[in-house]
Amino acid sequence: MHWMYNLPTWLLALLIMSFFVGLALLGLTFTHRSLRQNKPVDSLDNATVGWFFSAVSLLYGLLLGLLTVAAWGSYNQAINITSQEASAAAVLYRDLAAYPDATRDPMRQQLRRYISVIITQSWPAQRRGLLPDSETVVLNQFQKQLLNQRELSGEQLVVYTETTRAFNNLVELRRQRMEVVHGGVPGVLWLVVLLGAMATTGFSYCFMVKSYPLHALLTGVLAGMIELLVFLLVVLDHPYWGEISVSPVPYQLVLSTLMDP
C-alpha cells in the first residue's frame, strides 16, 4: 500500500472513487436487465429489499464509523507524540545550560543535529513508510557524551539526574513515533471493509427501479459515499505517510527559536 501514499491526494481520491463507482455501475449493468427478466424476482418488492438493505447498510456504516474514529484517534496520537518529542528535545536542550561550556556545547550540537536529521531526513522517509538509521546514530552519540560524566558535584549530580530523565523521555517518545510509523489497520479489517462495500452495493441492485439511468444514479451516489469514507480511512490509517500527514512544524519551531545559534 506504500505506493498509494506516494500519489497526490486528489489522484488517490480519484482512483478510489473510480474503483468503487466503476465497479458498482459495472455490476449494476450486468444485473439490472437479468433481474427484471427473472420471474421469481417479481415476488420481491422494494419494501422487503429495503428492510434487508437497511440492516446491511447500518451494520456496515457502524463498522466504517468505528474504524474512522479509531483512525482519527491514531492520527491525533501521532500529532501529540510529535509535539511531545519536540518539547522533550527543547527541555533537554535547556537543561544542558547548567553544564560547563566544554561539556555543554558538544552535547547541544549533537541535539541540534538530531532535530535537523528528523526534519531533513526522517520526515521525508516516514512519508514513504521508512525510518532511516541516521537519527539513531546521532542519538547514540549524544547518549555516549551524556553518560560519560565523571566526578560530579552535588549540584551537578542533580542537573545530571534531570538531564538523564529528560533524555529517557525523549527516547521513549521517539520509540512511540517509530511504532506509529509502522502501525495501521490490520489487513483482515481491510478485507471486511471491502466485502462489506460489495455486499452493501450489491443489495442496491435488488431494488425494482424501471429506469436504468435513475438506478445507476442512486447506486453511484451510494458507492460514492462509501468511497469517501474509505478514502478518509486510508488517509488517516498511516498518520506519517503521504501528503496528508503529521507535519514536522514542532521540530522546526524548536530548531529555529531555541537551537539555532
Protein backbone atom coordinates (compact mmCIF):
# COMPACT_ATOMS: atom_id res chain seq x y z
CA MET A 1 0.00 0.00 0.00
CA HIS A 2 3.00 2.32 0.15
CA TRP A 3 2.61 3.33 -3.48
CA MET A 4 -0.84 4.79 -2.74
CA TYR A 5 0.62 7.35 -0.35
CA ASN A 6 3.20 8.44 -2.91
CA LEU A 7 0.37 9.74 -5.12
CA PRO A 8 -1.08 13.25 -4.85
CA THR A 9 -4.12 13.33 -2.58
CA TRP A 10 -6.52 14.33 -5.35
CA LEU A 11 -5.28 11.48 -7.56
CA LEU A 12 -5.64 8.97 -4.72
CA ALA A 13 -9.22 10.12 -4.12
CA LEU A 14 -9.96 9.92 -7.84
CA LEU A 15 -8.59 6.39 -8.09
CA ILE A 16 -10.57 5.14 -5.11
CA MET A 17 -13.75 6.78 -6.38
CA SER A 18 -13.26 5.41 -9.87
CA PHE A 19 -12.72 1.92 -8.47
CA PHE A 20 -15.81 1.88 -6.24
CA VAL A 21 -18.20 3.74 -8.52
CA GLY A 22 -16.99 1.98 -11.68
CA LEU A 23 -17.25 -1.46 -10.09
CA ALA A 24 -20.72 -0.68 -8.72
CA LEU A 25 -22.03 0.53 -12.08
CA LEU A 26 -20.43 -2.41 -13.87
CA GLY A 27 -22.21 -4.83 -11.56
CA LEU A 28 -25.49 -2.97 -11.99
CA THR A 29 -25.17 -3.17 -15.77
CA PHE A 30 -24.97 -6.96 -15.65
CA THR A 31 -27.74 -7.43 -13.07
CA HIS A 32 -30.32 -4.75 -13.91
CA ARG A 33 -31.76 -6.42 -17.00
CA SER A 34 -31.28 -10.04 -15.90
CA LEU A 35 -33.05 -9.49 -12.58
CA ARG A 36 -36.07 -7.98 -14.28
CA GLN A 37 -36.30 -10.86 -16.74
CA ASN A 38 -36.29 -13.41 -13.93
CA LYS A 39 -39.89 -14.17 -12.87
CA PRO A 40 -39.16 -15.35 -9.29
CA VAL A 41 -37.70 -11.94 -8.60
CA ASP A 42 -41.14 -10.42 -9.17
CA SER A 43 -42.18 -11.78 -5.79
CA LEU A 44 -39.81 -9.32 -4.10
CA ASP A 45 -40.88 -5.76 -3.51
CA ASN A 46 -38.88 -2.69 -2.59
CA ALA A 47 -40.17 -2.78 0.99
CA THR A 48 -38.73 -6.24 1.59
CA VAL A 49 -35.45 -5.42 -0.12
CA GLY A 50 -35.31 -2.09 1.73
CA TRP A 51 -35.57 -3.85 5.09
CA PHE A 52 -32.59 -6.08 4.37
CA PHE A 53 -30.70 -3.21 2.77
CA SER A 54 -31.23 -1.03 5.85
CA ALA A 55 -29.87 -3.76 8.13
CA VAL A 56 -26.79 -4.38 5.99
CA SER A 57 -26.05 -0.69 5.44
CA LEU A 58 -26.50 0.04 9.16
CA LEU A 59 -24.02 -2.64 10.20
CA TYR A 60 -21.56 -1.57 7.52
CA GLY A 61 -21.94 2.10 8.49
CA LEU A 62 -21.21 1.25 12.11
CA LEU A 63 -18.09 -0.65 11.05
CA LEU A 64 -16.79 2.22 8.94
CA GLY A 65 -17.66 4.73 11.64
CA LEU A 66 -15.79 2.83 14.35
CA LEU A 67 -12.76 2.33 12.11
CA THR A 68 -12.73 6.00 11.14
CA VAL A 69 -12.94 7.12 14.77
CA ALA A 70 -10.10 4.74 15.68
CA ALA A 71 -8.01 6.02 12.76
CA TRP A 72 -8.69 9.63 13.75
CA GLY A 73 -7.63 8.81 17.30
CA SER A 74 -4.36 7.34 15.99
CA TYR A 75 -3.82 10.44 13.88
CA ASN A 76 -4.26 12.73 16.90
CA GLN A 77 -1.99 10.47 18.92
CA ALA A 78 0.71 10.86 16.25
CA ILE A 79 0.32 14.64 16.43
CA ASN A 80 0.69 14.54 20.22
CA ILE A 81 3.77 12.32 20.03
CA THR A 82 5.39 14.72 17.57
CA SER A 83 4.66 17.73 19.76
CA GLN A 84 5.83 15.98 22.93
CA GLU A 85 9.06 14.74 21.34
CA ALA A 86 9.89 18.25 20.13
CA SER A 87 9.09 19.62 23.61
CA ALA A 88 11.25 16.94 25.25
CA ALA A 89 14.16 17.93 23.00
CA ALA A 90 13.66 21.58 23.98
CA VAL A 91 13.61 20.71 27.68
CA LEU A 92 16.77 18.63 27.32
CA TYR A 93 18.48 21.44 25.41
CA ARG A 94 17.69 23.92 28.20
CA ASP A 95 18.78 21.52 30.94
CA LEU A 96 22.21 21.35 29.32
CA ALA A 97 22.70 25.04 30.13
CA ALA A 98 23.83 24.04 33.63
CA TYR A 99 26.78 22.05 32.27
CA PRO A 100 30.28 23.54 31.80
CA ASP A 101 30.94 25.01 28.36
CA ALA A 102 33.32 22.25 27.34
CA THR A 103 30.64 19.62 28.01
CA ARG A 104 27.53 21.60 27.15
CA ASP A 105 28.40 22.81 23.66
CA PRO A 106 29.19 19.38 22.09
CA MET A 107 26.03 17.86 23.53
CA ARG A 108 23.90 20.77 22.38
CA GLN A 109 25.44 20.45 18.95
CA GLN A 110 24.51 16.76 18.82
CA LEU A 111 20.97 17.52 19.96
CA ARG A 112 20.66 20.24 17.32
CA ARG A 113 21.90 17.79 14.73
CA TYR A 114 19.36 15.21 15.90
CA ILE A 115 16.46 17.62 15.31
CA SER A 116 17.89 18.62 11.93
CA VAL A 117 18.13 14.97 10.88
CA ILE A 118 14.49 14.40 11.86
CA ILE A 119 13.36 17.34 9.72
CA THR A 120 15.55 16.80 6.67
CA GLN A 121 15.91 13.00 6.53
CA SER A 122 13.48 11.15 8.81
CA TRP A 123 10.34 13.05 7.87
CA PRO A 124 10.62 12.59 4.09
CA ALA A 125 11.45 8.92 4.69
CA GLN A 126 8.49 8.48 7.05
CA ARG A 127 6.15 9.72 4.33
CA ARG A 128 7.32 6.73 2.30
CA GLY A 129 6.87 4.35 5.24
CA LEU A 130 10.61 4.17 6.01
CA LEU A 131 12.80 5.02 9.00
CA PRO A 132 16.47 5.84 8.34
CA ASP A 133 19.20 4.95 10.83
CA SER A 134 20.78 8.40 10.77
CA GLU A 135 18.84 9.76 13.74
CA THR A 136 19.68 6.63 15.74
CA VAL A 137 23.40 7.22 15.14
CA VAL A 138 23.16 10.84 16.30
CA LEU A 139 21.12 9.91 19.37
CA ASN A 140 23.63 7.22 20.34
CA GLN A 141 26.47 9.71 20.08
CA PHE A 142 24.58 12.13 22.32
CA GLN A 143 23.90 9.34 24.81
CA LYS A 144 27.59 8.44 24.95
CA GLN A 145 28.50 12.04 25.75
CA LEU A 146 25.72 12.39 28.32
CA LEU A 147 26.58 9.23 30.23
CA ASN A 148 30.33 9.89 30.12
CA GLN A 149 30.19 12.29 33.06
CA ARG A 150 32.59 11.70 35.94
CA GLU A 151 33.29 13.27 39.35
CA LEU A 152 30.13 15.36 39.57
CA SER A 153 29.49 17.70 42.48
CA GLY A 154 26.21 17.81 44.39
CA GLU A 155 24.60 20.47 42.17
CA GLN A 156 25.92 18.87 39.02
CA LEU A 157 24.54 15.50 40.11
CA VAL A 158 21.05 17.00 40.46
CA VAL A 159 21.30 18.51 36.98
CA TYR A 160 22.66 15.24 35.61
CA THR A 161 19.69 13.34 37.06
CA GLU A 162 17.20 15.74 35.48
CA THR A 163 19.03 15.67 32.17
CA THR A 164 19.07 11.88 32.13
CA ARG A 165 15.35 11.81 32.89
CA ALA A 166 14.66 14.25 30.03
CA PHE A 167 16.79 12.16 27.67
CA ASN A 168 14.95 8.95 28.61
CA ASN A 169 11.66 10.73 27.93
CA LEU A 170 12.94 11.77 24.51
CA VAL A 171 13.96 8.20 23.69
CA GLU A 172 10.58 6.86 24.78
CA LEU A 173 8.69 9.37 22.60
CA ARG A 174 10.91 8.55 19.63
CA ARG A 175 10.11 4.86 20.08
CA GLN A 176 6.40 5.67 20.10
CA ARG A 177 6.78 7.64 16.88
CA MET A 178 8.53 4.71 15.21
CA GLU A 179 5.74 2.36 16.27
CA VAL A 180 3.08 4.66 14.80
CA VAL A 181 5.01 4.87 11.50
CA HIS A 182 4.73 1.10 11.06
CA GLY A 183 1.23 0.79 12.54
CA GLY A 184 -2.13 0.78 10.77
CA VAL A 185 -5.41 -1.03 10.30
CA PRO A 186 -4.83 -4.83 10.06
CA GLY A 187 -5.27 -6.44 6.68
CA VAL A 188 -8.21 -8.57 7.83
CA LEU A 189 -10.17 -5.41 8.68
CA TRP A 190 -9.47 -4.02 5.20
CA LEU A 191 -10.85 -7.28 3.79
CA VAL A 192 -14.00 -6.85 5.88
CA VAL A 193 -14.34 -3.25 4.66
CA LEU A 194 -14.11 -4.31 1.00
CA LEU A 195 -16.51 -7.25 1.42
CA GLY A 196 -18.95 -5.01 3.27
CA ALA A 197 -18.80 -2.45 0.46
CA MET A 198 -19.57 -5.20 -2.07
CA ALA A 199 -22.49 -6.51 -0.01
CA THR A 200 -23.98 -3.06 0.57
CA THR A 201 -23.67 -2.10 -3.08
CA GLY A 202 -24.97 -5.50 -4.19
CA PHE A 203 -28.18 -5.11 -2.20
CA SER A 204 -28.88 -1.86 -4.05
CA TYR A 205 -29.14 -3.89 -7.28
CA CYS A 206 -32.22 -5.68 -5.94
CA PHE A 207 -34.43 -2.61 -5.83
CA MET A 208 -37.12 -2.56 -8.53
CA VAL A 209 -36.32 0.63 -10.45
CA LYS A 210 -37.67 0.68 -14.00
CA SER A 211 -35.38 3.44 -15.21
CA TYR A 212 -31.78 2.25 -15.53
CA PRO A 213 -30.30 5.79 -15.51
CA LEU A 214 -32.10 6.54 -12.23
CA HIS A 215 -30.99 3.22 -10.74
CA ALA A 216 -27.41 3.91 -11.88
CA LEU A 217 -27.53 7.38 -10.31
CA LEU A 218 -28.71 6.03 -6.96
CA THR A 219 -26.15 3.23 -6.99
CA GLY A 220 -23.38 5.64 -8.00
CA VAL A 221 -24.24 8.02 -5.14
CA LEU A 222 -24.18 5.11 -2.68
CA ALA A 223 -20.82 3.89 -3.99
CA GLY A 224 -19.50 7.46 -3.89
CA MET A 225 -20.45 7.86 -0.21
CA ILE A 226 -18.75 4.56 0.61
CA GLU A 227 -15.70 5.76 -1.33
CA LEU A 228 -15.49 8.97 0.70
CA LEU A 229 -15.45 7.06 3.98
CA VAL A 230 -12.91 4.54 2.68
CA PHE A 231 -10.73 7.37 1.36
CA LEU A 232 -10.86 9.08 4.75
CA LEU A 233 -9.91 5.81 6.43
CA VAL A 234 -6.99 5.30 4.02
CA VAL A 235 -5.66 8.81 4.61
CA LEU A 236 -5.89 8.56 8.41
CA ASP A 237 -4.65 4.98 8.60
CA HIS A 238 -0.96 5.99 8.48
CA PRO A 239 -0.51 9.44 10.08
CA TYR A 240 3.10 9.84 8.91
CA TRP A 241 2.58 8.68 5.30
CA GLY A 242 1.68 10.69 2.22
CA GLU A 243 0.73 14.32 1.68
CA ILE A 244 -1.93 14.46 4.40
CA SER A 245 0.36 13.54 7.24
CA VAL A 246 1.62 14.91 10.53
CA SER A 247 3.77 17.99 10.00
CA PRO A 248 7.32 18.43 11.38
CA VAL A 249 6.49 22.03 12.36
CA PRO A 250 7.06 21.42 16.13
CA TYR A 251 10.66 20.35 15.42
CA GLN A 252 11.17 23.29 13.08
CA LEU A 253 9.95 25.70 15.75
CA VAL A 254 12.28 24.24 18.37
CA LEU A 255 15.20 24.38 15.95
CA SER A 256 14.57 27.93 14.77
CA THR A 257 13.55 29.55 18.05
CA LEU A 258 15.78 27.72 20.52
CA MET A 259 18.63 25.78 18.97
CA ASP A 260 19.81 27.99 16.12
CA PRO A 261 22.98 29.79 17.20
